[in-house]
Protein backbone atom coordinates (compact mmCIF):
# COMPACT_ATOMS: atom_id res chain seq x y z
CA MET A 1 5.35 -16.42 21.54
CA GLU A 2 3.61 -17.21 18.23
CA ARG A 3 3.42 -20.82 17.14
CA GLN A 4 5.67 -21.59 14.15
CA GLU A 5 2.74 -22.70 12.00
CA ASN A 6 1.08 -19.31 12.52
CA VAL A 7 4.18 -17.49 11.31
CA GLN A 8 4.30 -19.80 8.31
CA LYS A 9 0.66 -19.04 7.60
CA GLY A 10 1.41 -15.35 7.90
CA VAL A 11 4.22 -15.63 5.36
CA CYS A 12 1.98 -17.58 2.95
CA TRP A 13 -0.79 -15.00 3.27
CA ILE A 14 1.55 -12.06 2.74
CA LEU A 15 2.98 -13.73 -0.38
CA PHE A 16 -0.58 -14.23 -1.62
CA SER A 17 -1.28 -10.58 -0.87
CA SER A 18 1.84 -9.42 -2.69
CA PHE A 19 0.94 -11.45 -5.76
CA GLY A 20 -2.61 -10.05 -5.68
CA PHE A 21 -1.32 -6.47 -5.67
CA ALA A 22 1.15 -7.30 -8.44
CA VAL A 23 -1.69 -8.68 -10.59
CA MET A 24 -3.64 -5.50 -9.82
CA GLY A 25 -0.76 -3.43 -11.18
CA LEU A 26 -0.60 -5.55 -14.33
CA CYS A 27 -4.36 -5.19 -14.90
CA VAL A 28 -4.21 -1.43 -14.38
CA ARG A 29 -1.46 -1.19 -16.99
CA GLU A 30 -3.29 -3.55 -19.38
CA ALA A 31 -6.41 -1.35 -19.17
CA GLY A 32 -4.65 0.95 -21.59
CA ASN A 33 -4.72 4.68 -22.09
CA LEU A 34 -7.46 5.62 -19.64
CA PRO A 35 -7.30 8.42 -17.06
CA PHE A 36 -5.69 7.05 -13.91
CA VAL A 37 -8.50 8.48 -11.75
CA GLN A 38 -11.01 6.48 -13.79
CA LYS A 39 -8.99 3.34 -13.14
CA THR A 40 -8.95 3.95 -9.39
CA LEU A 41 -12.73 4.08 -9.31
CA PHE A 42 -13.02 0.37 -10.09
CA ARG A 43 -10.51 -0.57 -7.40
CA ASN A 44 -12.14 1.63 -4.78
CA MET A 45 -15.75 0.71 -5.53
CA ILE A 46 -15.04 -3.02 -5.28
CA ALA A 47 -13.13 -2.44 -2.02
CA PHE A 48 -16.05 -0.36 -0.73
CA LEU A 49 -18.60 -3.02 -1.64
CA ILE A 50 -16.70 -5.80 0.13
CA SER A 51 -15.89 -3.78 3.26
CA PHE A 52 -19.38 -2.28 3.46
CA LEU A 53 -21.07 -5.69 3.29
CA THR A 54 -18.71 -6.97 5.99
CA LEU A 55 -19.43 -3.89 8.11
CA CYS A 56 -23.20 -4.36 7.74
CA SER A 57 -22.84 -7.97 8.85
CA LYS A 58 -20.95 -6.90 11.97
CA ALA A 59 -23.32 -4.01 12.65
CA GLY A 60 -26.23 -6.47 12.69
CA LYS A 61 -24.67 -8.06 15.76
CA ASP A 62 -23.07 -5.01 17.36
CA ARG A 63 -24.05 -1.44 16.45
CA SER A 64 -21.00 -0.05 18.24
CA VAL A 65 -18.84 -0.86 15.17
CA LEU A 66 -20.46 2.16 13.48
CA HIS A 67 -19.41 4.58 16.22
CA VAL A 68 -16.58 7.05 15.67
CA PRO A 69 -15.70 9.14 18.76
CA ALA A 70 -15.69 12.89 18.09
CA PRO A 71 -11.91 13.31 18.66
CA ALA A 72 -11.23 10.53 16.12
CA ARG A 73 -13.24 12.03 13.25
CA LYS A 74 -10.48 14.37 12.08
CA PHE A 75 -8.04 11.44 11.98
CA LEU A 76 -10.54 9.41 9.95
CA PHE A 77 -10.79 12.27 7.46
CA LEU A 78 -7.00 12.61 7.25
CA ARG A 79 -6.64 8.85 6.77
CA CYS A 80 -9.06 9.07 3.84
CA ALA A 81 -7.27 12.08 2.34
CA VAL A 82 -3.69 10.77 2.48
CA GLY A 83 -4.88 7.27 1.56
CA SER A 84 -6.43 8.73 -1.60
CA LEU A 85 -3.10 10.36 -2.40
CA GLY A 86 -1.51 6.93 -2.00
CA ILE A 87 -3.96 5.27 -4.40
CA PHE A 88 -3.83 8.02 -7.02
CA GLY A 89 -0.03 8.22 -6.90
CA ASN A 90 0.36 4.46 -7.24
CA PHE A 91 -2.08 4.16 -10.15
CA TYR A 92 -0.56 7.09 -12.02
CA ALA A 93 2.94 5.61 -11.63
CA ILE A 94 1.74 2.18 -12.79
CA GLY A 95 0.38 3.74 -15.98
CA HIS A 96 3.56 5.68 -16.83
CA MET A 97 6.55 3.59 -15.74
CA ASN A 98 7.64 -0.02 -15.22
CA ILE A 99 5.17 -1.67 -12.87
CA SER A 100 8.06 -3.02 -10.77
CA ASP A 101 9.39 0.55 -10.33
CA ALA A 102 5.91 1.72 -9.36
CA ALA A 103 5.61 -1.16 -6.87
CA MET A 104 8.96 -0.28 -5.31
CA LEU A 105 8.04 3.38 -4.88
CA ASN A 106 4.81 2.28 -3.23
CA LYS A 107 6.88 0.22 -0.80
CA MET A 108 8.31 3.44 0.60
CA SER A 109 5.25 3.43 2.86
CA PRO A 110 6.76 1.52 5.84
CA PHE A 111 9.65 3.98 6.05
CA ALA A 112 7.34 6.96 5.54
CA ALA A 113 5.26 5.56 8.41
CA VAL A 114 8.32 5.73 10.69
CA PHE A 115 8.72 9.41 9.80
CA ALA A 116 4.98 10.12 10.11
CA SER A 117 4.78 8.43 13.53
CA ILE A 118 6.95 11.22 14.97
CA PHE A 119 4.18 13.76 14.37
CA ILE A 120 1.04 11.61 14.48
CA LEU A 121 1.83 9.14 17.27
CA ASN A 122 4.57 11.03 19.14
CA GLU A 123 6.92 8.09 18.63
CA LYS A 124 10.63 8.81 18.37
CA PRO A 125 12.49 6.40 16.05
CA GLY A 126 15.75 4.94 17.24
CA LEU A 127 19.07 5.72 15.59
CA PHE A 128 18.89 2.60 13.42
CA SER A 129 15.43 3.51 12.10
CA ALA A 130 16.46 7.10 11.50
CA VAL A 131 19.51 6.07 9.49
CA SER A 132 17.39 3.62 7.50
CA LEU A 133 15.12 6.48 6.42
CA PHE A 134 18.03 8.31 4.80
CA VAL A 135 19.38 5.14 3.17
CA VAL A 136 15.98 4.23 1.72
CA PHE A 137 15.45 7.77 0.44
CA ALA A 138 18.82 7.52 -1.31
CA GLY A 139 17.74 4.20 -2.80
CA SER A 140 14.50 5.71 -4.05
CA LEU A 141 16.49 8.30 -6.02
CA PHE A 142 17.93 5.47 -8.11
CA VAL A 143 14.37 4.51 -9.08
CA ILE A 144 13.10 8.09 -9.49
CA LYS A 145 16.22 9.22 -11.43
CA PRO A 146 15.80 12.97 -10.81
CA SER A 147 16.39 15.23 -13.82
CA PHE A 148 15.39 18.62 -15.17
CA ASP A 149 12.96 16.89 -17.55
CA PHE A 150 9.89 17.32 -15.33
CA ALA A 151 7.55 15.46 -17.69
CA ALA A 152 9.82 12.41 -17.56
CA VAL A 153 10.36 12.40 -13.81
CA PHE A 154 6.82 13.36 -12.73
CA PRO A 155 5.37 9.78 -12.71
CA ALA A 156 8.16 8.66 -10.35
CA VAL A 157 7.74 11.70 -8.11
CA PHE A 158 3.97 11.15 -7.97
CA GLY A 159 4.53 7.45 -7.28
CA PHE A 160 6.92 8.35 -4.46
CA ALA A 161 4.31 10.77 -3.07
CA GLY A 162 1.80 7.93 -3.23
CA GLY A 163 4.08 5.70 -1.15
CA VAL A 164 4.52 8.50 1.40
CA GLY A 165 0.75 9.01 1.49
CA ALA A 166 0.23 5.29 2.16
CA GLY A 167 2.76 5.48 5.01
CA PHE A 168 0.98 8.41 6.62
CA ALA A 169 -2.35 6.59 6.14
CA SER A 170 -1.08 3.56 8.08
CA CYS A 171 -0.17 5.84 11.00
CA PHE A 172 -3.65 7.34 11.02
CA VAL A 173 -5.07 3.80 11.05
CA ARG A 174 -2.99 3.04 14.16
CA LYS A 175 -4.24 6.29 15.69
CA LEU A 176 -7.85 5.31 14.96
CA ARG A 177 -7.33 1.87 16.46
CA GLY A 178 -6.45 3.68 19.67
CA TYR A 179 -9.99 5.07 19.61
CA ALA A 180 -11.37 1.55 18.95
CA VAL A 181 -12.67 2.48 15.48
CA CYS A 182 -13.69 -0.61 13.50
CA GLY A 183 -11.26 -1.55 10.72
CA ASP A 184 -14.04 -2.28 8.22
CA LEU A 185 -15.51 1.16 8.90
CA ILE A 186 -12.11 2.74 8.19
CA ILE A 187 -11.79 0.87 4.89
CA SER A 188 -15.38 1.67 3.91
CA CYS A 189 -14.95 5.39 4.61
CA PHE A 190 -11.64 5.53 2.76
CA SER A 191 -12.95 3.64 -0.28
CA LEU A 192 -16.09 5.77 -0.45
CA PHE A 193 -14.12 9.01 0.06
CA SER A 194 -11.65 8.26 -2.72
CA SER A 195 -14.48 7.17 -5.02
CA LEU A 196 -16.40 10.40 -4.40
CA LEU A 197 -13.17 12.33 -4.96
CA ALA A 198 -12.85 10.70 -8.37
CA LEU A 199 -16.47 11.21 -9.46
CA PRO A 200 -16.23 14.87 -10.60
CA PHE A 201 -13.26 13.98 -12.78
CA ILE A 202 -15.14 10.99 -14.21
CA VAL A 203 -18.18 13.14 -15.03
CA PHE A 204 -16.20 15.77 -16.95
CA PHE A 205 -13.29 13.75 -18.36
CA HIS A 206 -14.75 10.26 -18.73
CA ALA A 207 -13.09 8.18 -21.42
CA PRO A 208 -15.22 5.53 -23.18
CA MET A 209 -14.17 1.98 -22.41
CA SER A 210 -14.33 -1.25 -24.36
CA LEU A 211 -15.72 -4.42 -22.81
CA ARG A 212 -12.16 -5.73 -22.47
CA GLN A 213 -11.06 -2.64 -20.53
CA ILE A 214 -14.05 -2.94 -18.19
CA LEU A 215 -13.29 -6.62 -17.53
CA VAL A 216 -9.59 -5.91 -16.98
CA LEU A 217 -10.36 -3.13 -14.48
CA LEU A 218 -12.85 -5.37 -12.69
CA GLY A 219 -10.02 -7.89 -12.51
CA ALA A 220 -7.79 -5.18 -11.02
CA GLY A 221 -10.40 -4.50 -8.36
CA CYS A 222 -10.75 -8.20 -7.53
CA ALA A 223 -6.97 -8.65 -7.41
CA ALA A 224 -6.69 -5.66 -5.06
CA ALA A 225 -9.40 -7.19 -2.87
CA CYS A 226 -7.39 -10.43 -2.75
CA GLY A 227 -4.32 -8.41 -1.82
CA GLN A 228 -6.15 -6.67 1.00
CA PHE A 229 -7.68 -9.94 2.20
CA GLY A 230 -4.27 -11.62 2.21
CA MET A 231 -2.67 -8.72 4.07
CA THR A 232 -5.37 -8.78 6.75
CA ASN A 233 -4.98 -12.52 7.27
CA ALA A 234 -1.20 -12.29 7.27
CA TYR A 235 -1.10 -9.84 10.17
CA PHE A 236 -3.86 -11.77 11.94
CA ASN A 237 -1.64 -14.86 12.02
CA ALA A 238 1.71 -13.24 12.78
CA PRO A 239 3.13 -9.87 13.92
CA ALA A 240 4.65 -7.41 11.47
CA SER A 241 8.08 -7.84 13.08
CA LYS A 242 8.19 -11.44 11.82
CA ILE A 243 6.70 -11.21 8.33
CA SER A 244 6.72 -7.60 7.04
CA VAL A 245 9.92 -8.03 5.01
CA PHE A 246 8.15 -10.62 2.83
CA ASP A 247 5.84 -7.86 1.62
CA TYR A 248 8.67 -6.77 -0.67
CA SER A 249 8.06 -9.92 -2.73
CA ASN A 250 5.44 -7.71 -4.42
CA VAL A 251 8.28 -6.00 -6.31
CA LEU A 252 9.64 -9.34 -7.53
CA PHE A 253 6.17 -10.49 -8.61
CA ALA A 254 5.59 -7.17 -10.39
CA ALA A 255 8.95 -7.42 -12.16
CA ALA A 256 8.17 -10.99 -13.31
CA LEU A 257 4.68 -10.10 -14.55
CA GLY A 258 5.99 -6.94 -16.22
CA PHE A 259 8.65 -8.95 -18.05
CA VAL A 260 6.34 -11.79 -19.16
CA PHE A 261 3.29 -9.75 -20.19
CA LEU A 262 4.66 -6.29 -20.96
CA GLY A 263 8.25 -6.93 -21.95
CA GLN A 264 9.47 -4.54 -19.24
CA VAL A 265 13.04 -4.88 -17.95
CA PRO A 266 14.18 -2.62 -15.07
CA ASP A 267 17.35 -0.71 -15.86
CA ALA A 268 20.55 -0.97 -13.83
CA LEU A 269 19.79 2.10 -11.70
CA SER A 270 16.36 0.77 -10.76
CA VAL A 271 17.83 -2.61 -9.82
CA ALA A 272 20.41 -0.80 -7.65
CA GLY A 273 17.55 1.06 -5.96
CA TYR A 274 15.71 -2.23 -5.38
CA VAL A 275 18.79 -3.73 -3.73
CA ILE A 276 19.29 -0.72 -1.45
CA ILE A 277 15.63 -0.49 -0.38
CA ILE A 278 14.98 -4.22 0.04
CA GLY A 279 18.36 -4.67 1.71
CA THR A 280 17.57 -1.89 4.17
CA ALA A 281 14.14 -3.40 4.86
CA ALA A 282 15.79 -6.76 5.56
CA ALA A 283 18.33 -5.11 7.87
CA VAL A 284 15.55 -3.34 9.79
CA PHE A 285 13.66 -6.65 9.98
CA VAL A 286 16.67 -8.47 11.46
CA HIS A 287 17.47 -5.57 13.83
CA ASN A 288 13.88 -5.50 15.15
CA ALA A 289 13.85 -9.28 15.60
CA ARG A 290 17.08 -9.17 17.62
CA THR A 291 15.81 -6.27 19.72
CA GLU A 292 12.59 -8.18 20.43
CA ARG A 293 14.51 -11.30 21.50
CA ARG A 294 16.72 -9.27 23.85
CA SER A 295 13.66 -7.69 25.44
CA LEU A 296 12.04 -11.06 26.25
CA PRO A 297 12.24 -12.07 29.92
CA VAL A 298 14.69 -14.88 30.68
CA SER A 299 12.80 -17.92 31.93
């Protein structure tokens, strides 16, 4: 059983991570009217630089961290592809809707991961998890607000697709861990892949940037790196079953930053969606904790 101080550290790190990702969203929005693909390049290149330097440091001691078994290569490619969808969807939503709404749609990823695990990991969710998927999807509709005005609803739909892509990506990461693929190698490949995917667009549709926009996007990249660093340390100190629900603090941070710096106030339907999704996440958290306690051997 984990020591209490480790769980507390995990919670602190995941709150730090959530704030980092919320600041990233604010910076992306503050960068102004730039193509969303151009914005992602800064985030991905900084992530690539950090992970690549870490990977090189590890490779200097153990070359095996660079090895990807042949059967795992297709899963690495798929992780990069759906992860890129996650990044692009999130950044597009941030630029076209309230950053708290965009953050909430991105938090569909844990539930999408449950669905994806059926096909990728051959895991069958229990009845409680299956019901939670339908409830969360219903909650997401309050945020998306479907209508026949495609131009109005597209950012939310793309943001939802980004959250689903992130959920599938997490399943492919778990699959790759089964092949003992190094985590830093996975991050490096994903960051480089998504950056290369953005380059053709940047070459043909590059928008000139002011010094302020460059600095703000560099800040977005650094904030995202802090978010990733915090997330890694959070799950190093404590298991997901004990701290994952605190990841939803990202939505609260995003709402606060959006209100203070952008004057954004979520409407009643969005708030209802937040309550449904976060409430379901909390219920799943409590259910998993109780199930884990019942499965522990009696001493």
